[in-house]
Every structure is written in structure tokens, then in C-alpha cells.
C-alpha atoms as a PDB file:
ATOM      1  CA  UNK A   1     121.182  31.244   4.808  1.00  0.00           C
ATOM      2  CA  UNK A   2     122.353  33.554   7.567  1.00  0.00           C
ATOM      3  CA  UNK A   3     120.130  36.395   6.408  1.00  0.00           C
ATOM      4  CA  UNK A   4     116.961  34.319   6.415  1.00  0.00           C
ATOM      5  CA  UNK A   5     117.704  32.806   9.823  1.00  0.00           C
ATOM      6  CA  UNK A   6     118.527  36.025  11.638  1.00  0.00           C
ATOM      7  CA  UNK A   7     116.381  38.579   9.815  1.00  0.00           C
ATOM      8  CA  UNK A   8     113.602  36.338   8.495  1.00  0.00           C
ATOM      9  CA  UNK A   9     111.119  37.563  11.082  1.00  0.00           C
ATOM     10  CA  UNK A  10     111.142  41.157   9.811  1.00  0.00           C
ATOM     11  CA  UNK A  11     108.969  41.403   6.705  1.00  0.00           C
ATOM     12  CA  UNK A  12     110.780  42.701   3.628  1.00  0.00           C
ATOM     13  CA  UNK A  13     114.222  42.976   5.182  1.00  0.00           C
ATOM     14  CA  UNK A  14     115.503  39.731   3.672  1.00  0.00           C
ATOM     15  CA  UNK A  15     114.500  40.890   0.186  1.00  0.00           C
ATOM     16  CA  UNK A  16     116.087  44.278   0.785  1.00  0.00           C
ATOM     17  CA  UNK A  17     119.416  42.731   1.769  1.00  0.00           C
ATOM     18  CA  UNK A  18     119.396  40.260  -1.132  1.00  0.00           C
ATOM     19  CA  UNK A  19     118.568  43.024  -3.617  1.00  0.00           C
ATOM     20  CA  UNK A  20     121.362  45.158  -2.146  1.00  0.00           C
ATOM     21  CA  UNK A  21     123.891  42.376  -2.676  1.00  0.00           C
ATOM     22  CA  UNK A  22     122.685  41.771  -6.228  1.00  0.00           C
ATOM     23  CA  UNK A  23     122.785  45.474  -7.106  1.00  0.00           C
ATOM     24  CA  UNK A  24     126.319  45.778  -5.737  1.00  0.00           C
ATOM     25  CA  UNK A  25     127.352  42.780  -7.851  1.00  0.00           C
ATOM     26  CA  UNK A  26     125.763  44.264 -10.966  1.00  0.00           C
ATOM     27  CA  UNK A  27     127.422  47.611 -10.315  1.00  0.00           C
ATOM     28  CA  UNK A  28     130.827  45.979 -10.012  1.00  0.00           C
ATOM     29  CA  UNK A  29     130.304  43.968 -13.188  1.00  0.00           C
ATOM     30  CA  UNK A  30     129.118  46.984 -15.188  1.00  0.00           C
ATOM     31  CA  UNK A  31     132.033  49.159 -14.085  1.00  0.00           C
ATOM     32  CA  UNK A  32     134.451  46.401 -15.069  1.00  0.00           C
ATOM     33  CA  UNK A  33     132.844  46.043 -18.501  1.00  0.00           C
ATOM     34  CA  UNK A  34     132.854  49.814 -18.956  1.00  0.00           C
ATOM     35  CA  UNK A  35     136.540  50.090 -18.104  1.00  0.00           C
ATOM     36  CA  UNK A  36     137.374  47.167 -20.392  1.00  0.00           C
ATOM     37  CA  UNK A  37     135.545  48.848 -23.288  1.00  0.00           C
ATOM     38  CA  UNK A  38     137.301  52.151 -22.555  1.00  0.00           C
ATOM     39  CA  UNK A  39     140.715  50.491 -22.627  1.00  0.00           C
ATOM     40  CA  UNK A  40     139.877  48.746 -25.894  1.00  0.00           C
ATOM     41  CA  UNK A  41     138.663  51.998 -27.443  1.00  0.00           C
ATOM     42  CA  UNK A  42     141.336  54.390 -26.195  1.00  0.00           C
ATOM     43  CA  UNK A  43     144.448  52.235 -26.078  1.00  0.00           C
ATOM     44  CA  UNK A  44     143.924  49.791 -28.922  1.00  0.00           C
ATOM     45  CA  UNK A  45     141.406  51.085 -31.455  1.00  0.00           C
ATOM     46  CA  UNK A  46     142.541  54.722 -31.483  1.00  0.00           C
ATOM     47  CA  UNK A  47     146.194  53.752 -31.815  1.00  0.00           C
ATOM     48  CA  UNK A  48     145.477  51.443 -34.739  1.00  0.00           C
ATOM     49  CA  UNK A  49     143.272  53.952 -36.562  1.00  0.00           C
ATOM     50  CA  UNK A  50     145.099  57.207 -35.854  1.00  0.00           C
ATOM     51  CA  UNK A  51     144.607  58.498 -39.412  1.00  0.00           C
ATOM     52  CA  UNK A  52     141.178  60.063 -38.966  1.00  0.00           C
ATOM     53  CA  UNK A  53     139.940  61.590 -35.717  1.00  0.00           C
ATOM     54  CA  UNK A  54     136.629  60.121 -34.560  1.00  0.00           C
ATOM     55  CA  UNK A  55     133.562  62.199 -33.805  1.00  0.00           C
ATOM     56  CA  UNK A  56     131.945  62.019 -30.390  1.00  0.00           C
ATOM     57  CA  UNK A  57     128.923  60.191 -31.796  1.00  0.00           C
ATOM     58  CA  UNK A  58     131.140  57.515 -33.332  1.00  0.00           C
ATOM     59  CA  UNK A  59     133.054  57.098 -30.064  1.00  0.00           C
ATOM     60  CA  UNK A  60     129.796  56.644 -28.144  1.00  0.00           C
ATOM     61  CA  UNK A  61     128.499  54.099 -30.656  1.00  0.00           C
ATOM     62  CA  UNK A  62     131.770  52.165 -30.665  1.00  0.00           C
ATOM     63  CA  UNK A  63     131.913  52.256 -26.872  1.00  0.00           C
ATOM     64  CA  UNK A  64     128.399  50.778 -26.635  1.00  0.00           C
ATOM     65  CA  UNK A  65     129.295  48.031 -29.094  1.00  0.00           C
ATOM     66  CA  UNK A  66     132.484  47.231 -27.185  1.00  0.00           C
ATOM     67  CA  UNK A  67     130.550  47.128 -23.884  1.00  0.00           C
ATOM     68  CA  UNK A  68     128.045  44.694 -25.332  1.00  0.00           C
ATOM     69  CA  UNK A  69     130.627  42.319 -26.756  1.00  0.00           C
ATOM     70  CA  UNK A  70     132.915  42.621 -23.737  1.00  0.00           C
ATOM     71  CA  UNK A  71     130.108  41.621 -21.404  1.00  0.00           C
ATOM     72  CA  UNK A  72     129.139  38.714 -23.660  1.00  0.00           C
ATOM     73  CA  UNK A  73     132.769  37.571 -23.756  1.00  0.00           C
ATOM     74  CA  UNK A  74     133.112  37.757 -19.976  1.00  0.00           C
ATOM     75  CA  UNK A  75     129.785  35.957 -19.529  1.00  0.00           C
ATOM     76  CA  UNK A  76     130.686  33.101 -21.884  1.00  0.00           C
ATOM     77  CA  UNK A  77     134.238  32.831 -20.538  1.00  0.00           C
ATOM     78  CA  UNK A  78     132.956  32.593 -16.967  1.00  0.00           C
ATOM     79  CA  UNK A  79     130.638  29.712 -17.736  1.00  0.00           C
ATOM     80  CA  UNK A  80     133.239  27.877 -19.801  1.00  0.00           C
ATOM     81  CA  UNK A  81     135.654  28.043 -16.874  1.00  0.00           C
ATOM     82  CA  UNK A  82     132.898  27.040 -14.469  1.00  0.00           C
ATOM     83  CA  UNK A  83     132.044  23.997 -16.604  1.00  0.00           C
ATOM     84  CA  UNK A  84     135.688  22.941 -16.754  1.00  0.00           C
ATOM     85  CA  UNK A  85     136.285  23.121 -13.017  1.00  0.00           C
ATOM     86  CA  UNK A  86     133.030  21.981 -11.441  1.00  0.00           C
ATOM     87  CA  UNK A  87     131.222  18.728 -11.197  1.00  0.00           C
ATOM     88  CA  UNK A  88     127.661  20.029 -11.112  1.00  0.00           C
ATOM     89  CA  UNK A  89     125.747  21.384 -14.058  1.00  0.00           C
ATOM     90  CA  UNK A  90     122.975  23.357 -12.380  1.00  0.00           C
ATOM     91  CA  UNK A  91     124.546  26.781 -12.973  1.00  0.00           C
ATOM     92  CA  UNK A  92     125.217  26.012 -16.629  1.00  0.00           C
ATOM     93  CA  UNK A  93     121.637  24.836 -17.145  1.00  0.00           C
ATOM     94  CA  UNK A  94     120.226  27.890 -15.394  1.00  0.00           C
ATOM     95  CA  UNK A  95     122.425  30.078 -17.622  1.00  0.00           C
ATOM     96  CA  UNK A  96     121.084  28.327 -20.735  1.00  0.00           C
ATOM     97  CA  UNK A  97     117.498  28.685 -19.567  1.00  0.00           C
ATOM     98  CA  UNK A  98     118.078  32.360 -18.742  1.00  0.00           C
ATOM     99  CA  UNK A  99     119.420  33.061 -22.228  1.00  0.00           C
ATOM    100  CA  UNK A 100     116.656  31.075 -23.909  1.00  0.00           C
ATOM    101  CA  UNK A 101     118.802  28.195 -25.096  1.00  0.00           C
ATOM    102  CA  UNK A 102     116.742  25.034 -25.424  1.00  0.00           C
ATOM    103  CA  UNK A 103     118.466  21.696 -25.272  1.00  0.00           C
ATOM    104  CA  UNK A 104     117.898  18.130 -24.184  1.00  0.00           C
ATOM    105  CA  UNK A 105     120.008  16.388 -21.608  1.00  0.00           C
END
């Protein structure tokens, strides 16, 4: 609200600021997912399967898989917590529409 009121008269500046905030949020989320996948790979998976050393290609593939499922877990966990502690459903419905989930209210 503040951005549109103060900087709304300059064309394009509102969009630039909003895109900057969204890109910073995405960067923070992706670095968190990447570090979570690295911890899972290095500290848990490698300790449990210490018999055979993994090739670099296998580590990259496993890291990508862990990133994907870590981000899905964080995404689902966030919306479960949001549904438990909020009274409105608009964010949950927008999440379902974004992920292509069709349902009837």
C-alpha cells in the first residue's frame, strides 16, 4: 500500500519494487531449500550408506531430488499450518488454484 501511494506516480517503479521484493523472497526460499537438501545428503544419506562412495553424477541427481521434495514438503507444511491458525481461506484457495487443484466449496 505504501509503495503505490508514494511511488505510484512514477511509471514502472511500483512494479520494479514489487518484483525486487518477490525475487528476494524467492532467493531466500531457494537457498533454504538448497541447504536443507545438502544437510540431508551429506549428514544423513552419506552416513547411512557409507559402504559405497557415490559418483558426482549420483550426488547431483540425489541433490536435485532432495531439493524438489524438500520444497514440496515446506510448501505443504506452510499451508497446513496456515489453515490451522487462520480464519480466512483465501490463501489456501489461491494455493490450490495455483497448483491446479480443482475442488468445490
